[in-house]
Amino acid sequence: MRLNNWINATLLSLVLQTSLGSVAEDASATAAPTINTPILTLLENPVARAIVEKHLPNLVKALDEDYDAADFLGDSSLKELPIDDNHVIGFDEDLLLTLERELNGAAAG
């Protein structure tokens, strides 16, 4: 009897963990994209991708084609990128504000 209770509790725990993980993934997938969203997540959203690609085409191309670039930068948000031409050419504070404004506008509708 104890073994059955333990097995049932373990199975229930696994089911709950899996379900809660799926809910968290669904929430992040449907959250409005912002400059705080990981870049690779932004690129999965067609509207956000178009905005980022319009302003930073070389970054998008590098993330699409270069596994090392995607691995290095993919979990970073636009806000976390260094503001200098040594990392992302053309990326500066003004562009970050433009991206923020356009992403917010797209989220609003």
PDB file of N, CA and C in Angstrom:
ATOM      1  N   MET A   1       0.817  -1.195   0.000  1.00  0.00           N
ATOM      2  CA  MET A   1       0.000   0.000   0.000  1.00  0.00           C
ATOM      3  C   MET A   1       0.864   1.264   0.000  1.00  0.00           C
ATOM      4  N   ARG A   2       1.920   1.255   0.813  1.00  0.00           N
ATOM      5  CA  ARG A   2       2.796   2.417   0.858  1.00  0.00           C
ATOM      6  C   ARG A   2       3.456   2.657  -0.491  1.00  0.00           C
ATOM      7  N   LEU A   3       3.873   1.580  -1.138  1.00  0.00           N
ATOM      8  CA  LEU A   3       4.518   1.701  -2.444  1.00  0.00           C
ATOM      9  C   LEU A   3       3.558   2.315  -3.457  1.00  0.00           C
ATOM     10  N   ASN A   4       2.312   1.868  -3.442  1.00  0.00           N
ATOM     11  CA  ASN A   4       1.315   2.432  -4.362  1.00  0.00           C
ATOM     12  C   ASN A   4       1.106   3.922  -4.107  1.00  0.00           C
ATOM     13  N   ASN A   5       1.039   4.309  -2.844  1.00  0.00           N
ATOM     14  CA  ASN A   5       0.880   5.733  -2.516  1.00  0.00           C
ATOM     15  C   ASN A   5       2.076   6.539  -3.011  1.00  0.00           C
ATOM     16  N   TRP A   6       3.271   5.994  -2.814  1.00  0.00           N
ATOM     17  CA  TRP A   6       4.480   6.683  -3.260  1.00  0.00           C
ATOM     18  C   TRP A   6       4.488   6.822  -4.780  1.00  0.00           C
ATOM     19  N   ILE A   7       4.144   5.731  -5.474  1.00  0.00           N
ATOM     20  CA  ILE A   7       4.105   5.762  -6.947  1.00  0.00           C
ATOM     21  C   ILE A   7       3.074   6.785  -7.417  1.00  0.00           C
ATOM     22  N   ASN A   8       1.898   6.774  -6.822  1.00  0.00           N
ATOM     23  CA  ASN A   8       0.855   7.732  -7.215  1.00  0.00           C
ATOM     24  C   ASN A   8       1.298   9.171  -6.958  1.00  0.00           C
ATOM     25  N   ALA A   9       1.926   9.408  -5.817  1.00  0.00           N
ATOM     26  CA  ALA A   9       2.401  10.755  -5.497  1.00  0.00           C
ATOM     27  C   ALA A   9       3.484  11.194  -6.468  1.00  0.00           C
ATOM     28  N   THR A  10       4.380  10.288  -6.826  1.00  0.00           N
ATOM     29  CA  THR A  10       5.453  10.602  -7.767  1.00  0.00           C
ATOM     30  C   THR A  10       4.885  10.911  -9.148  1.00  0.00           C
ATOM     31  N   LEU A  11       3.958  10.091  -9.599  1.00  0.00           N
ATOM     32  CA  LEU A  11       3.338  10.328 -10.911  1.00  0.00           C
ATOM     33  C   LEU A  11       2.583  11.654 -10.934  1.00  0.00           C
ATOM     34  N   LEU A  12       1.853  11.943  -9.872  1.00  0.00           N
ATOM     35  CA  LEU A  12       1.127  13.205  -9.793  1.00  0.00           C
ATOM     36  C   LEU A  12       2.096  14.385  -9.831  1.00  0.00           C
ATOM     37  N   SER A  13       3.194  14.262  -9.124  1.00  0.00           N
ATOM     38  CA  SER A  13       4.205  15.318  -9.120  1.00  0.00           C
ATOM     39  C   SER A  13       4.762  15.551 -10.517  1.00  0.00           C
ATOM     40  N   LEU A  14       5.063  14.479 -11.235  1.00  0.00           N
ATOM     41  CA  LEU A  14       5.591  14.603 -12.598  1.00  0.00           C
ATOM     42  C   LEU A  14       4.575  15.252 -13.530  1.00  0.00           C
ATOM     43  N   VAL A  15       3.322  14.850 -13.411  1.00  0.00           N
ATOM     44  CA  VAL A  15       2.271  15.425 -14.256  1.00  0.00           C
ATOM     45  C   VAL A  15       2.128  16.917 -13.971  1.00  0.00           C
ATOM     46  N   LEU A  16       2.125  17.290 -12.697  1.00  0.00           N
ATOM     47  CA  LEU A  16       2.000  18.705 -12.343  1.00  0.00           C
ATOM     48  C   LEU A  16       3.187  19.517 -12.836  1.00  0.00           C
ATOM     49  N   GLN A  17       4.395  18.983 -12.692  1.00  0.00           N
ATOM     50  CA  GLN A  17       5.580  19.701 -13.160  1.00  0.00           C
ATOM     51  C   GLN A  17       5.522  19.914 -14.660  1.00  0.00           C
ATOM     52  N   THR A  18       5.131  18.889 -15.388  1.00  0.00           N
ATOM     53  CA  THR A  18       5.027  18.991 -16.846  1.00  0.00           C
ATOM     54  C   THR A  18       3.958  20.002 -17.236  1.00  0.00           C
ATOM     55  N   SER A  19       2.813  19.950 -16.570  1.00  0.00           N
ATOM     56  CA  SER A  19       1.718  20.871 -16.882  1.00  0.00           C
ATOM     57  C   SER A  19       2.100  22.307 -16.576  1.00  0.00           C
ATOM     58  N   LEU A  20       2.712  22.533 -15.415  1.00  0.00           N
ATOM     59  CA  LEU A  20       3.108  23.890 -15.054  1.00  0.00           C
ATOM     60  C   LEU A  20       4.180  24.418 -15.987  1.00  0.00           C
ATOM     61  N   GLY A  21       5.093  23.560 -16.425  1.00  0.00           N
ATOM     62  CA  GLY A  21       6.110  23.971 -17.388  1.00  0.00           C
ATOM     63  C   GLY A  21       5.478  24.389 -18.700  1.00  0.00           C
ATOM     64  N   SER A  22       4.470  23.651 -19.149  1.00  0.00           N
ATOM     65  CA  SER A  22       3.777  23.986 -20.392  1.00  0.00           C
ATOM     66  C   SER A  22       3.040  25.310 -20.268  1.00  0.00           C
ATOM     67  N   VAL A  23       2.426  25.547 -19.124  1.00  0.00           N
ATOM     68  CA  VAL A  23       1.716  26.806 -18.904  1.00  0.00           C
ATOM     69  C   VAL A  23       2.694  27.971 -18.945  1.00  0.00           C
ATOM     70  N   ALA A  24       3.853  27.815 -18.315  1.00  0.00           N
ATOM     71  CA  ALA A  24       4.857  28.882 -18.325  1.00  0.00           C
ATOM     72  C   ALA A  24       5.356  29.144 -19.735  1.00  0.00           C
ATOM     73  N   GLU A  25       5.587  28.084 -20.513  1.00  0.00           N
ATOM     74  CA  GLU A  25       6.031  28.254 -21.899  1.00  0.00           C
ATOM     75  C   GLU A  25       4.962  28.947 -22.722  1.00  0.00           C
ATOM     76  N   ASP A  26       3.691  28.549 -22.544  1.00  0.00           N
ATOM     77  CA  ASP A  26       2.603  29.184 -23.279  1.00  0.00           C
ATOM     78  C   ASP A  26       2.495  30.662 -22.932  1.00  0.00           C
ATOM     79  N   ALA A  27       2.664  30.994 -21.659  1.00  0.00           N
ATOM     80  CA  ALA A  27       2.568  32.393 -21.235  1.00  0.00           C
ATOM     81  C   ALA A  27       3.675  33.225 -21.854  1.00  0.00           C
ATOM     82  N   SER A  28       4.893  32.700 -21.895  1.00  0.00           N
ATOM     83  CA  SER A  28       5.986  33.478 -22.482  1.00  0.00           C
ATOM     84  C   SER A  28       5.827  33.589 -23.988  1.00  0.00           C
ATOM     85  N   ALA A  29       5.245  32.572 -24.611  1.00  0.00           N
ATOM     86  CA  ALA A  29       5.056  32.604 -26.062  1.00  0.00           C
ATOM     87  C   ALA A  29       3.989  33.619 -26.460  1.00  0.00           C
ATOM     88  N   THR A  30       3.008  33.845 -25.583  1.00  0.00           N
ATOM     89  CA  THR A  30       1.929  34.765 -25.926  1.00  0.00           C
ATOM     90  C   THR A  30       2.126  36.152 -25.326  1.00  0.00           C
ATOM     91  N   ALA A  31       3.145  36.319 -24.502  1.00  0.00           N
ATOM     92  CA  ALA A  31       3.410  37.634 -23.911  1.00  0.00           C
ATOM     93  C   ALA A  31       3.800  38.619 -25.011  1.00  0.00           C
ATOM     94  N   ALA A  32       3.392  39.861 -24.836  1.00  0.00           N
ATOM     95  CA  ALA A  32       3.731  40.893 -25.814  1.00  0.00           C
ATOM     96  C   ALA A  32       5.247  41.071 -25.854  1.00  0.00           C
ATOM     97  N   PRO A  33       5.830  41.081 -27.050  1.00  0.00           N
ATOM     98  CA  PRO A  33       7.282  41.230 -27.155  1.00  0.00           C
ATOM     99  C   PRO A  33       7.733  42.628 -26.742  1.00  0.00           C
ATOM    100  N   THR A  34       8.840  42.675 -26.013  1.00  0.00           N
ATOM    101  CA  THR A  34       9.416  43.944 -25.565  1.00  0.00           C
ATOM    102  C   THR A  34      10.927  43.886 -25.758  1.00  0.00           C
ATOM    103  N   ILE A  35      11.609  44.967 -25.416  1.00  0.00           N
ATOM    104  CA  ILE A  35      13.070  44.958 -25.494  1.00  0.00           C
ATOM    105  C   ILE A  35      13.675  44.080 -24.406  1.00  0.00           C
ATOM    106  N   ASN A  36      12.853  43.595 -23.474  1.00  0.00           N
ATOM    107  CA  ASN A  36      13.313  42.687 -22.424  1.00  0.00           C
ATOM    108  C   ASN A  36      13.112  41.218 -22.783  1.00  0.00           C
ATOM    109  N   THR A  37      12.451  40.950 -23.895  1.00  0.00           N
ATOM    110  CA  THR A  37      12.219  39.582 -24.358  1.00  0.00           C
ATOM    111  C   THR A  37      13.515  39.031 -24.955  1.00  0.00           C
ATOM    112  N   PRO A  38      13.853  37.767 -24.673  1.00  0.00           N
ATOM    113  CA  PRO A  38      15.049  37.193 -25.318  1.00  0.00           C
ATOM    114  C   PRO A  38      14.968  37.336 -26.839  1.00  0.00           C
ATOM    115  N   ILE A  39      16.097  37.634 -27.446  1.00  0.00           N
ATOM    116  CA  ILE A  39      16.129  37.922 -28.884  1.00  0.00           C
ATOM    117  C   ILE A  39      15.580  36.759 -29.706  1.00  0.00           C
ATOM    118  N   LEU A  40      15.978  35.531 -29.394  1.00  0.00           N
ATOM    119  CA  LEU A  40      15.478  34.399 -30.177  1.00  0.00           C
ATOM    120  C   LEU A  40      13.969  34.249 -30.037  1.00  0.00           C
ATOM    121  N   THR A  41      13.418  34.596 -28.898  1.00  0.00           N
ATOM    122  CA  THR A  41      11.966  34.573 -28.723  1.00  0.00           C
ATOM    123  C   THR A  41      11.325  35.658 -29.578  1.00  0.00           C
ATOM    124  N   LEU A  42      11.945  36.833 -29.632  1.00  0.00           N
ATOM    125  CA  LEU A  42      11.435  37.901 -30.508  1.00  0.00           C
ATOM    126  C   LEU A  42      11.367  37.431 -31.952  1.00  0.00           C
ATOM    127  N   LEU A  43      12.404  36.726 -32.382  1.00  0.00           N
ATOM    128  CA  LEU A  43      12.472  36.313 -33.784  1.00  0.00           C
ATOM    129  C   LEU A  43      11.469  35.221 -34.127  1.00  0.00           C
ATOM    130  N   GLU A  44      10.888  34.579 -33.128  1.00  0.00           N
ATOM    131  CA  GLU A  44       9.836  33.588 -33.368  1.00  0.00           C
ATOM    132  C   GLU A  44       8.487  34.248 -33.621  1.00  0.00           C
ATOM    133  N   ASN A  45       8.367  35.515 -33.255  1.00  0.00           N
ATOM    134  CA  ASN A  45       7.140  36.274 -33.447  1.00  0.00           C
ATOM    135  C   ASN A  45       7.283  37.055 -34.756  1.00  0.00           C
ATOM    136  N   PRO A  46       6.430  36.782 -35.759  1.00  0.00           N
ATOM    137  CA  PRO A  46       6.599  37.426 -37.070  1.00  0.00           C
ATOM    138  C   PRO A  46       6.591  38.960 -37.031  1.00  0.00           C
ATOM    139  N   VAL A  47       5.756  39.549 -36.205  1.00  0.00           N
ATOM    140  CA  VAL A  47       5.688  41.012 -36.129  1.00  0.00           C
ATOM    141  C   VAL A  47       6.956  41.562 -35.489  1.00  0.00           C
ATOM    142  N   ALA A  48       7.364  40.972 -34.370  1.00  0.00           N
ATOM    143  CA  ALA A  48       8.583  41.422 -33.690  1.00  0.00           C
ATOM    144  C   ALA A  48       9.802  41.188 -34.571  1.00  0.00           C
ATOM    145  N   ARG A  49       9.819  40.056 -35.265  1.00  0.00           N
ATOM    146  CA  ARG A  49      10.949  39.753 -36.154  1.00  0.00           C
ATOM    147  C   ARG A  49      11.084  40.828 -37.232  1.00  0.00           C
ATOM    148  N   ALA A  50       9.966  41.222 -37.820  1.00  0.00           N
ATOM    149  CA  ALA A  50      10.003  42.245 -38.873  1.00  0.00           C
ATOM    150  C   ALA A  50      10.558  43.564 -38.329  1.00  0.00           C
ATOM    151  N   ILE A  51      10.194  43.903 -37.112  1.00  0.00           N
ATOM    152  CA  ILE A  51      10.685  45.149 -36.506  1.00  0.00           C
ATOM    153  C   ILE A  51      12.189  45.068 -36.272  1.00  0.00           C
ATOM    154  N   VAL A  52      12.641  43.978 -35.669  1.00  0.00           N
ATOM    155  CA  VAL A  52      14.070  43.826 -35.380  1.00  0.00           C
ATOM    156  C   VAL A  52      14.862  43.740 -36.680  1.00  0.00           C
ATOM    157  N   GLU A  53      14.347  42.990 -37.637  1.00  0.00           N
ATOM    158  CA  GLU A  53      15.052  42.807 -38.912  1.00  0.00           C
ATOM    159  C   GLU A  53      15.157  44.114 -39.695  1.00  0.00           C
ATOM    160  N   LYS A  54      14.150  44.964 -39.574  1.00  0.00           N
ATOM    161  CA  LYS A  54      14.172  46.261 -40.258  1.00  0.00           C
ATOM    162  C   LYS A  54      15.350  47.112 -39.768  1.00  0.00           C
ATOM    163  N   HIS A  55      15.616  47.065 -38.483  1.00  0.00           N
ATOM    164  CA  HIS A  55      16.651  47.919 -37.893  1.00  0.00           C
ATOM    165  C   HIS A  55      18.005  47.229 -37.727  1.00  0.00           C
ATOM    166  N   LEU A  56      17.989  45.916 -37.556  1.00  0.00           N
ATOM    167  CA  LEU A  56      19.228  45.168 -37.302  1.00  0.00           C
ATOM    168  C   LEU A  56      19.303  43.920 -38.189  1.00  0.00           C
ATOM    169  N   PRO A  57      19.298  44.128 -39.522  1.00  0.00           N
ATOM    170  CA  PRO A  57      19.276  42.964 -40.417  1.00  0.00           C
ATOM    171  C   PRO A  57      20.492  42.055 -40.252  1.00  0.00           C
ATOM    172  N   ASN A  58      21.653  42.630 -39.990  1.00  0.00           N
ATOM    173  CA  ASN A  58      22.854  41.796 -39.837  1.00  0.00           C
ATOM    174  C   ASN A  58      22.782  40.929 -38.585  1.00  0.00           C
ATOM    175  N   LEU A  59      22.194  41.457 -37.529  1.00  0.00           N
ATOM    176  CA  LEU A  59      22.028  40.673 -36.306  1.00  0.00           C
ATOM    177  C   LEU A  59      21.094  39.493 -36.553  1.00  0.00           C
ATOM    178  N   VAL A  60      19.974  39.752 -37.196  1.00  0.00           N
ATOM    179  CA  VAL A  60      19.015  38.682 -37.478  1.00  0.00           C
ATOM    180  C   VAL A  60      19.647  37.626 -38.373  1.00  0.00           C
ATOM    181  N   LYS A  61      20.361  38.068 -39.400  1.00  0.00           N
ATOM    182  CA  LYS A  61      21.034  37.125 -40.296  1.00  0.00           C
ATOM    183  C   LYS A  61      22.047  36.274 -39.529  1.00  0.00           C
ATOM    184  N   ALA A  62      22.823  36.911 -38.669  1.00  0.00           N
ATOM    185  CA  ALA A  62      23.822  36.169 -37.887  1.00  0.00           C
ATOM    186  C   ALA A  62      23.154  35.153 -36.968  1.00  0.00           C
ATOM    187  N   LEU A  63      22.066  35.539 -36.332  1.00  0.00           N
ATOM    188  CA  LEU A  63      21.373  34.617 -35.433  1.00  0.00           C
ATOM    189  C   LEU A  63      20.725  33.469 -36.195  1.00  0.00           C
ATOM    190  N   ASP A  64      20.266  33.745 -37.417  1.00  0.00           N
ATOM    191  CA  ASP A  64      19.673  32.692 -38.247  1.00  0.00           C
ATOM    192  C   ASP A  64      20.717  31.714 -38.773  1.00  0.00           C
ATOM    193  N   GLU A  65      21.896  32.224 -39.114  1.00  0.00           N
ATOM    194  CA  GLU A  65      22.882  31.409 -39.833  1.00  0.00           C
ATOM    195  C   GLU A  65      24.046  30.909 -38.985  1.00  0.00           C
ATOM    196  N   ASP A  66      24.300  31.536 -37.870  1.00  0.00           N
ATOM    197  CA  ASP A  66      25.495  31.217 -37.089  1.00  0.00           C
ATOM    198  C   ASP A  66      25.093  30.684 -35.718  1.00  0.00           C
ATOM    199  N   TYR A  67      25.292  29.371 -35.534  1.00  0.00           N
ATOM    200  CA  TYR A  67      24.910  28.737 -34.274  1.00  0.00           C
ATOM    201  C   TYR A  67      25.624  29.385 -33.093  1.00  0.00           C
ATOM    202  N   ASP A  68      26.898  29.739 -33.260  1.00  0.00           N
ATOM    203  CA  ASP A  68      27.648  30.349 -32.159  1.00  0.00           C
ATOM    204  C   ASP A  68      27.058  31.702 -31.764  1.00  0.00           C
ATOM    205  N   ALA A  69      26.652  32.482 -32.743  1.00  0.00           N
ATOM    206  CA  ALA A  69      26.036  33.783 -32.446  1.00  0.00           C
ATOM    207  C   ALA A  69      24.708  33.583 -31.720  1.00  0.00           C
ATOM    208  N   ALA A  70      23.912  32.642 -32.203  1.00  0.00           N
ATOM    209  CA  ALA A  70      22.630  32.363 -31.554  1.00  0.00           C
ATOM    210  C   ALA A  70      22.843  31.850 -30.137  1.00  0.00           C
ATOM    211  N   ASP A  71      23.845  31.010 -29.964  1.00  0.00           N
ATOM    212  CA  ASP A  71      24.138  30.472 -28.638  1.00  0.00           C
ATOM    213  C   ASP A  71      24.633  31.574 -27.705  1.00  0.00           C
ATOM    214  N   PHE A  72      25.440  32.482 -28.229  1.00  0.00           N
ATOM    215  CA  PHE A  72      26.032  33.550 -27.419  1.00  0.00           C
ATOM    216  C   PHE A  72      25.024  34.650 -27.085  1.00  0.00           C
ATOM    217  N   LEU A  73      24.221  35.059 -28.062  1.00  0.00           N
ATOM    218  CA  LEU A  73      23.331  36.209 -27.885  1.00  0.00           C
ATOM    219  C   LEU A  73      21.860  35.859 -27.727  1.00  0.00           C
ATOM    220  N   GLY A  74      21.486  34.655 -28.092  1.00  0.00           N
ATOM    221  CA  GLY A  74      20.074  34.304 -28.187  1.00  0.00           C
ATOM    222  C   GLY A  74      19.254  34.475 -26.933  1.00  0.00           C
ATOM    223  N   ASP A  75      19.844  34.216 -25.776  1.00  0.00           N
ATOM    224  CA  ASP A  75      19.105  34.366 -24.524  1.00  0.00           C
ATOM    225  C   ASP A  75      19.115  35.799 -24.012  1.00  0.00           C
ATOM    226  N   SER A  76      19.904  36.647 -24.641  1.00  0.00           N
ATOM    227  CA  SER A  76      19.963  38.059 -24.241  1.00  0.00           C
ATOM    228  C   SER A  76      18.775  38.808 -24.828  1.00  0.00           C
ATOM    229  N   SER A  77      18.376  39.845 -24.152  1.00  0.00           N
ATOM    230  CA  SER A  77      17.342  40.716 -24.702  1.00  0.00           C
ATOM    231  C   SER A  77      18.023  41.872 -25.432  1.00  0.00           C
ATOM    232  N   LEU A  78      17.248  42.620 -26.190  1.00  0.00           N
ATOM    233  CA  LEU A  78      17.806  43.803 -26.854  1.00  0.00           C
ATOM    234  C   LEU A  78      18.356  44.775 -25.820  1.00  0.00           C
ATOM    235  N   LYS A  79      17.679  44.881 -24.694  1.00  0.00           N
ATOM    236  CA  LYS A  79      18.119  45.801 -23.645  1.00  0.00           C
ATOM    237  C   LYS A  79      19.466  45.379 -23.063  1.00  0.00           C
ATOM    238  N   GLU A  80      19.774  44.092 -23.123  1.00  0.00           N
ATOM    239  CA  GLU A  80      21.026  43.591 -22.555  1.00  0.00           C
ATOM    240  C   GLU A  80      22.206  43.651 -23.521  1.00  0.00           C
ATOM    241  N   LEU A  81      21.944  43.943 -24.790  1.00  0.00           N
ATOM    242  CA  LEU A  81      23.045  44.013 -25.751  1.00  0.00           C
ATOM    243  C   LEU A  81      23.941  45.204 -25.441  1.00  0.00           C
ATOM    244  N   PRO A  82      25.246  45.044 -25.638  1.00  0.00           N
ATOM    245  CA  PRO A  82      26.151  46.179 -25.439  1.00  0.00           C
ATOM    246  C   PRO A  82      25.849  47.288 -26.456  1.00  0.00           C
ATOM    247  N   ILE A  83      25.884  48.514 -25.991  1.00  0.00           N
ATOM    248  CA  ILE A  83      25.629  49.669 -26.858  1.00  0.00           C
ATOM    249  C   ILE A  83      26.966  50.125 -27.439  1.00  0.00           C
ATOM    250  N   ASP A  84      27.446  49.421 -28.437  1.00  0.00           N
ATOM    251  CA  ASP A  84      28.664  49.825 -29.150  1.00  0.00           C
ATOM    252  C   ASP A  84      28.748  49.049 -30.458  1.00  0.00           C
ATOM    253  N   ASP A  85      29.525  49.569 -31.384  1.00  0.00           N
ATOM    254  CA  ASP A  85      29.644  48.941 -32.699  1.00  0.00           C
ATOM    255  C   ASP A  85      30.547  47.708 -32.695  1.00  0.00           C
ATOM    256  N   ASN A  86      31.209  47.431 -31.595  1.00  0.00           N
ATOM    257  CA  ASN A  86      32.064  46.248 -31.552  1.00  0.00           C
ATOM    258  C   ASN A  86      31.252  44.962 -31.453  1.00  0.00           C
ATOM    259  N   HIS A  87      30.009  45.061 -31.021  1.00  0.00           N
ATOM    260  CA  HIS A  87      29.182  43.871 -30.863  1.00  0.00           C
ATOM    261  C   HIS A  87      28.068  43.804 -31.907  1.00  0.00           C
ATOM    262  N   VAL A  88      27.276  44.835 -31.996  1.00  0.00           N
ATOM    263  CA  VAL A  88      26.177  44.883 -32.963  1.00  0.00           C
ATOM    264  C   VAL A  88      26.278  46.220 -33.686  1.00  0.00           C
ATOM    265  N   ILE A  89      26.679  46.172 -34.939  1.00  0.00           N
ATOM    266  CA  ILE A  89      26.912  47.389 -35.715  1.00  0.00           C
ATOM    267  C   ILE A  89      25.624  48.201 -35.832  1.00  0.00           C
ATOM    268  N   GLY A  90      25.734  49.480 -35.510  1.00  0.00           N
ATOM    269  CA  GLY A  90      24.596  50.382 -35.626  1.00  0.00           C
ATOM    270  C   GLY A  90      23.681  50.405 -34.417  1.00  0.00           C
ATOM    271  N   PHE A  91      23.968  49.599 -33.421  1.00  0.00           N
ATOM    272  CA  PHE A  91      23.102  49.535 -32.244  1.00  0.00           C
ATOM    273  C   PHE A  91      23.537  50.583 -31.234  1.00  0.00           C
ATOM    274  N   ASP A  92      22.631  51.495 -30.934  1.00  0.00           N
ATOM    275  CA  ASP A  92      22.932  52.534 -29.954  1.00  0.00           C
ATOM    276  C   ASP A  92      21.671  52.821 -29.139  1.00  0.00           C
ATOM    277  N   GLU A  93      21.781  53.747 -28.224  1.00  0.00           N
ATOM    278  CA  GLU A  93      20.668  54.072 -27.319  1.00  0.00           C
ATOM    279  C   GLU A  93      19.439  54.550 -28.091  1.00  0.00           C
ATOM    280  N   ASP A  94      19.645  55.349 -29.134  1.00  0.00           N
ATOM    281  CA  ASP A  94      18.513  55.835 -29.938  1.00  0.00           C
ATOM    282  C   ASP A  94      17.783  54.681 -30.618  1.00  0.00           C
ATOM    283  N   LEU A  95      18.546  53.738 -31.150  1.00  0.00           N
ATOM    284  CA  LEU A  95      17.918  52.592 -31.812  1.00  0.00           C
ATOM    285  C   LEU A  95      17.174  51.731 -30.799  1.00  0.00           C
ATOM    286  N   LEU A  96      17.730  51.561 -29.623  1.00  0.00           N
ATOM    287  CA  LEU A  96      17.043  50.797 -28.577  1.00  0.00           C
ATOM    288  C   LEU A  96      15.698  51.442 -28.244  1.00  0.00           C
ATOM    289  N   LEU A  97      15.673  52.761 -28.140  1.00  0.00           N
ATOM    290  CA  LEU A  97      14.418  53.471 -27.868  1.00  0.00           C
ATOM    291  C   LEU A  97      13.430  53.317 -29.022  1.00  0.00           C
ATOM    292  N   THR A  98      13.937  53.349 -30.255  1.00  0.00           N
ATOM    293  CA  THR A  98      13.085  53.146 -31.427  1.00  0.00           C
ATOM    294  C   THR A  98      12.479  51.748 -31.413  1.00  0.00           C
ATOM    295  N   LEU A  99      13.313  50.750 -31.140  1.00  0.00           N
ATOM    296  CA  LEU A  99      12.821  49.369 -31.070  1.00  0.00           C
ATOM    297  C   LEU A  99      11.781  49.221 -29.962  1.00  0.00           C
ATOM    298  N   GLU A 100      12.039  49.838 -28.830  1.00  0.00           N
ATOM    299  CA  GLU A 100      11.083  49.774 -27.719  1.00  0.00           C
ATOM    300  C   GLU A 100       9.741  50.383 -28.132  1.00  0.00           C
ATOM    301  N   ARG A 101       9.795  51.529 -28.762  1.00  0.00           N
ATOM    302  CA  ARG A 101       8.575  52.222 -29.197  1.00  0.00           C
ATOM    303  C   ARG A 101       7.804  51.379 -30.222  1.00  0.00           C
ATOM    304  N   GLU A 102       8.510  50.807 -31.193  1.00  0.00           N
ATOM    305  CA  GLU A 102       7.837  50.027 -32.235  1.00  0.00           C
ATOM    306  C   GLU A 102       7.278  48.712 -31.693  1.00  0.00           C
ATOM    307  N   LEU A 103       8.018  48.055 -30.812  1.00  0.00           N
ATOM    308  CA  LEU A 103       7.505  46.812 -30.216  1.00  0.00           C
ATOM    309  C   LEU A 103       6.284  47.099 -29.346  1.00  0.00           C
ATOM    310  N   ASN A 104       6.340  48.179 -28.575  1.00  0.00           N
ATOM    311  CA  ASN A 104       5.181  48.558 -27.757  1.00  0.00           C
ATOM    312  C   ASN A 104       3.981  48.898 -28.635  1.00  0.00           C
ATOM    313  N   GLY A 105       4.233  49.589 -29.745  1.00  0.00           N
ATOM    314  CA  GLY A 105       3.159  49.927 -30.673  1.00  0.00           C
ATOM    315  C   GLY A 105       2.543  48.689 -31.302  1.00  0.00           C
ATOM    316  N   ALA A 106       3.373  47.723 -31.640  1.00  0.00           N
ATOM    317  CA  ALA A 106       2.875  46.476 -32.224  1.00  0.00           C
ATOM    318  C   ALA A 106       2.048  45.699 -31.204  1.00  0.00           C
ATOM    319  N   ALA A 107       2.477  45.728 -29.951  1.00  0.00           N
ATOM    320  CA  ALA A 107       1.749  45.015 -28.902  1.00  0.00           C
ATOM    321  C   ALA A 107       0.399  45.669 -28.628  1.00  0.00           C
ATOM    322  N   ALA A 108       0.360  46.996 -28.755  1.00  0.00           N
ATOM    323  CA  ALA A 108      -0.881  47.727 -28.496  1.00  0.00           C
ATOM    324  C   ALA A 108      -1.890  47.534 -29.625  1.00  0.00           C
ATOM    325  N   GLY A 109      -1.327  47.218 -30.781  1.00  0.00           N
ATOM    326  CA  GLY A 109      -2.224  46.935 -31.739  1.00  0.00           C
ATOM    327  C   GLY A 109      -2.591  47.224 -33.015  1.00  0.00           C
TER     328      GLY A 109
END
